[in-house]
């Protein structure tokens, strides 16, 4: 059972989030352990999920024109 749980969790992509914005600087909950390095350029996407008329959640990610440059990890 432990191997099944570990296998299921290891394949999931992380979805970092912007947790703070101040003076044109965004702070995110992603870092070195996720492979992010100083100087990397990241594209900003946002979640545009909704619940359809039948009550089924529909998750969708929408790409924005915003790109972020990593200043500090």
N, C-alpha and C. Protein backbone atom coordinates (compact mmCIF):
# COMPACT_ATOMS: atom_id res chain seq x y z
N UNK A 1 0.82 -1.18 0.00
CA UNK A 1 0.00 0.00 0.00
C UNK A 1 0.88 1.26 0.00
N UNK A 2 1.97 1.24 0.75
CA UNK A 2 2.86 2.40 0.81
C UNK A 2 3.45 2.71 -0.56
N UNK A 3 3.82 1.67 -1.31
CA UNK A 3 4.39 1.88 -2.65
C UNK A 3 3.36 2.49 -3.59
N UNK A 4 2.10 2.07 -3.49
CA UNK A 4 1.05 2.63 -4.33
C UNK A 4 0.84 4.11 -4.03
N UNK A 5 0.84 4.45 -2.76
CA UNK A 5 0.67 5.86 -2.36
C UNK A 5 1.85 6.69 -2.84
N UNK A 6 3.05 6.19 -2.63
CA UNK A 6 4.24 6.92 -3.06
C UNK A 6 4.25 7.11 -4.57
N UNK A 7 3.87 6.09 -5.31
CA UNK A 7 3.84 6.17 -6.77
C UNK A 7 2.80 7.19 -7.24
N UNK A 8 1.65 7.18 -6.63
CA UNK A 8 0.59 8.12 -7.02
C UNK A 8 0.98 9.56 -6.75
N UNK A 9 1.65 9.80 -5.63
CA UNK A 9 2.02 11.16 -5.27
C UNK A 9 3.24 11.66 -6.02
N UNK A 10 4.14 10.78 -6.41
CA UNK A 10 5.38 11.21 -7.06
C UNK A 10 5.15 11.72 -8.48
N UNK A 11 4.07 11.36 -9.10
CA UNK A 11 3.82 11.75 -10.49
C UNK A 11 3.03 13.05 -10.61
N UNK A 12 2.63 13.63 -9.52
CA UNK A 12 1.82 14.84 -9.58
C UNK A 12 2.69 16.08 -9.81
N UNK A 13 2.26 16.90 -10.73
CA UNK A 13 2.95 18.17 -10.97
C UNK A 13 2.57 19.16 -9.87
N UNK A 14 3.53 19.93 -9.42
CA UNK A 14 3.22 20.92 -8.41
C UNK A 14 2.56 22.13 -9.07
N UNK A 15 1.63 22.73 -8.38
CA UNK A 15 0.98 23.93 -8.87
C UNK A 15 1.31 25.07 -7.92
N UNK A 16 2.42 25.76 -8.20
CA UNK A 16 2.81 26.85 -7.32
C UNK A 16 1.78 27.97 -7.37
N UNK A 17 1.70 28.71 -6.29
CA UNK A 17 0.75 29.81 -6.20
C UNK A 17 1.47 31.09 -5.80
N UNK A 18 0.96 32.20 -6.27
CA UNK A 18 1.42 33.51 -5.81
C UNK A 18 0.81 33.71 -4.44
N UNK A 19 1.64 33.92 -3.43
CA UNK A 19 1.12 34.07 -2.07
C UNK A 19 1.20 35.50 -1.54
N UNK A 20 1.96 36.36 -2.24
CA UNK A 20 2.08 37.75 -1.80
C UNK A 20 2.56 38.60 -2.97
N UNK A 21 2.03 39.80 -3.08
CA UNK A 21 2.52 40.77 -4.08
C UNK A 21 2.70 42.10 -3.36
N UNK A 22 3.90 42.69 -3.51
CA UNK A 22 4.19 43.97 -2.88
C UNK A 22 5.21 44.71 -3.73
N UNK A 23 4.92 45.96 -4.10
CA UNK A 23 5.83 46.78 -4.91
C UNK A 23 6.30 46.06 -6.17
N UNK A 24 5.38 45.47 -6.92
CA UNK A 24 5.70 44.82 -8.19
C UNK A 24 6.57 43.57 -8.03
N UNK A 25 6.62 43.01 -6.82
CA UNK A 25 7.37 41.78 -6.56
C UNK A 25 6.38 40.72 -6.09
N UNK A 26 6.38 39.58 -6.78
CA UNK A 26 5.48 38.49 -6.42
C UNK A 26 6.26 37.43 -5.65
N UNK A 27 5.69 36.96 -4.56
CA UNK A 27 6.29 35.88 -3.78
C UNK A 27 5.46 34.62 -4.04
N UNK A 28 6.17 33.52 -4.36
CA UNK A 28 5.48 32.27 -4.70
C UNK A 28 5.92 31.15 -3.77
N UNK A 29 5.07 30.14 -3.64
CA UNK A 29 5.40 29.00 -2.79
C UNK A 29 6.04 27.88 -3.62
N UNK A 30 7.10 28.22 -4.29
CA UNK A 30 7.88 27.27 -5.09
C UNK A 30 9.34 27.66 -4.92
N UNK A 31 10.23 26.68 -4.99
CA UNK A 31 11.62 27.02 -4.74
C UNK A 31 12.61 26.01 -5.28
N UNK A 32 13.74 25.96 -4.63
CA UNK A 32 14.87 25.14 -5.06
C UNK A 32 14.50 23.67 -5.21
N UNK A 33 13.71 23.14 -4.27
CA UNK A 33 13.33 21.72 -4.33
C UNK A 33 12.46 21.40 -5.54
N UNK A 34 11.87 22.43 -6.15
CA UNK A 34 11.06 22.24 -7.34
C UNK A 34 11.87 22.47 -8.62
N UNK A 35 13.16 22.75 -8.47
CA UNK A 35 14.02 22.95 -9.63
C UNK A 35 14.11 24.38 -10.11
N UNK A 36 13.59 25.33 -9.33
CA UNK A 36 13.63 26.74 -9.71
C UNK A 36 14.99 27.32 -9.36
N UNK A 37 15.56 28.09 -10.30
CA UNK A 37 16.86 28.73 -10.07
C UNK A 37 16.76 30.22 -10.36
N UNK A 38 17.68 30.96 -9.78
CA UNK A 38 17.72 32.40 -10.01
C UNK A 38 17.91 32.66 -11.51
N UNK A 39 17.14 33.60 -12.05
CA UNK A 39 17.22 33.93 -13.47
C UNK A 39 16.20 33.20 -14.33
N UNK A 40 15.56 32.16 -13.80
CA UNK A 40 14.52 31.45 -14.56
C UNK A 40 13.39 32.40 -14.89
N UNK A 41 12.77 32.18 -16.05
CA UNK A 41 11.58 32.95 -16.43
C UNK A 41 10.38 32.02 -16.36
N UNK A 42 9.36 32.47 -15.65
CA UNK A 42 8.16 31.67 -15.44
C UNK A 42 6.96 32.35 -16.08
N UNK A 43 6.10 31.59 -16.71
CA UNK A 43 4.84 32.12 -17.25
C UNK A 43 3.78 32.02 -16.17
N UNK A 44 2.93 33.02 -16.10
CA UNK A 44 1.86 33.04 -15.11
C UNK A 44 0.57 32.51 -15.74
N UNK A 45 -0.01 31.53 -15.10
CA UNK A 45 -1.29 30.95 -15.50
C UNK A 45 -2.26 31.17 -14.35
N UNK A 46 -3.55 31.14 -14.64
CA UNK A 46 -4.50 31.21 -13.53
C UNK A 46 -5.58 30.15 -13.71
N UNK A 47 -6.12 29.75 -12.58
CA UNK A 47 -7.15 28.73 -12.57
C UNK A 47 -8.48 29.37 -12.96
N UNK A 48 -9.15 28.77 -13.92
CA UNK A 48 -10.43 29.29 -14.37
C UNK A 48 -11.49 28.18 -14.28
N UNK A 49 -11.47 27.46 -13.18
CA UNK A 49 -12.40 26.36 -13.00
C UNK A 49 -13.81 26.86 -12.72
N UNK A 50 -14.78 26.03 -13.03
CA UNK A 50 -16.17 26.36 -12.77
C UNK A 50 -16.96 25.06 -12.62
N UNK A 51 -18.18 25.16 -12.16
CA UNK A 51 -19.07 24.01 -12.06
C UNK A 51 -20.12 24.15 -13.14
N UNK A 52 -20.24 23.12 -13.98
CA UNK A 52 -21.17 23.21 -15.11
C UNK A 52 -22.62 23.03 -14.65
N UNK A 53 -23.56 23.06 -15.62
CA UNK A 53 -24.98 23.00 -15.32
C UNK A 53 -25.40 21.69 -14.68
N UNK A 54 -24.59 20.64 -14.86
CA UNK A 54 -24.91 19.34 -14.27
C UNK A 54 -24.22 19.14 -12.92
N UNK A 55 -23.53 20.19 -12.43
CA UNK A 55 -22.87 20.12 -11.14
C UNK A 55 -21.49 19.48 -11.18
N UNK A 56 -20.95 19.30 -12.37
CA UNK A 56 -19.63 18.68 -12.52
C UNK A 56 -18.56 19.77 -12.52
N UNK A 57 -17.56 19.65 -11.62
CA UNK A 57 -16.48 20.66 -11.63
C UNK A 57 -15.63 20.52 -12.89
N UNK A 58 -15.40 21.62 -13.55
CA UNK A 58 -14.55 21.66 -14.75
C UNK A 58 -13.35 22.54 -14.43
N UNK A 59 -12.19 21.92 -14.39
CA UNK A 59 -10.96 22.65 -14.07
C UNK A 59 -10.26 23.04 -15.36
N UNK A 60 -9.79 24.27 -15.39
CA UNK A 60 -9.12 24.77 -16.58
C UNK A 60 -8.05 25.76 -16.16
N UNK A 61 -6.91 25.71 -16.82
CA UNK A 61 -5.84 26.66 -16.57
C UNK A 61 -5.71 27.56 -17.80
N UNK A 62 -5.64 28.86 -17.55
CA UNK A 62 -5.56 29.84 -18.64
C UNK A 62 -4.22 30.56 -18.56
N UNK A 63 -3.49 30.57 -19.68
CA UNK A 63 -2.20 31.26 -19.74
C UNK A 63 -2.41 32.76 -19.88
N UNK A 64 -1.62 33.54 -19.13
CA UNK A 64 -1.69 35.00 -19.23
C UNK A 64 -0.49 35.50 -20.03
N UNK A 65 -0.45 36.79 -20.30
CA UNK A 65 0.68 37.40 -21.00
C UNK A 65 1.80 37.78 -20.03
N UNK A 66 1.64 37.47 -18.77
CA UNK A 66 2.61 37.86 -17.73
C UNK A 66 3.71 36.82 -17.60
N UNK A 67 4.96 37.27 -17.61
CA UNK A 67 6.07 36.38 -17.31
C UNK A 67 6.84 36.96 -16.12
N UNK A 68 7.35 36.06 -15.29
CA UNK A 68 8.06 36.46 -14.09
C UNK A 68 9.51 35.99 -14.18
N UNK A 69 10.43 36.80 -13.70
CA UNK A 69 11.83 36.42 -13.65
C UNK A 69 12.20 36.18 -12.19
N UNK A 70 12.80 35.02 -11.93
CA UNK A 70 13.16 34.65 -10.56
C UNK A 70 14.37 35.47 -10.13
N UNK A 71 14.18 36.23 -9.06
CA UNK A 71 15.24 37.09 -8.54
C UNK A 71 15.96 36.43 -7.37
N UNK A 72 15.21 35.69 -6.55
CA UNK A 72 15.79 35.07 -5.36
C UNK A 72 15.07 33.76 -5.10
N UNK A 73 15.83 32.73 -4.75
CA UNK A 73 15.25 31.42 -4.45
C UNK A 73 15.46 31.12 -2.98
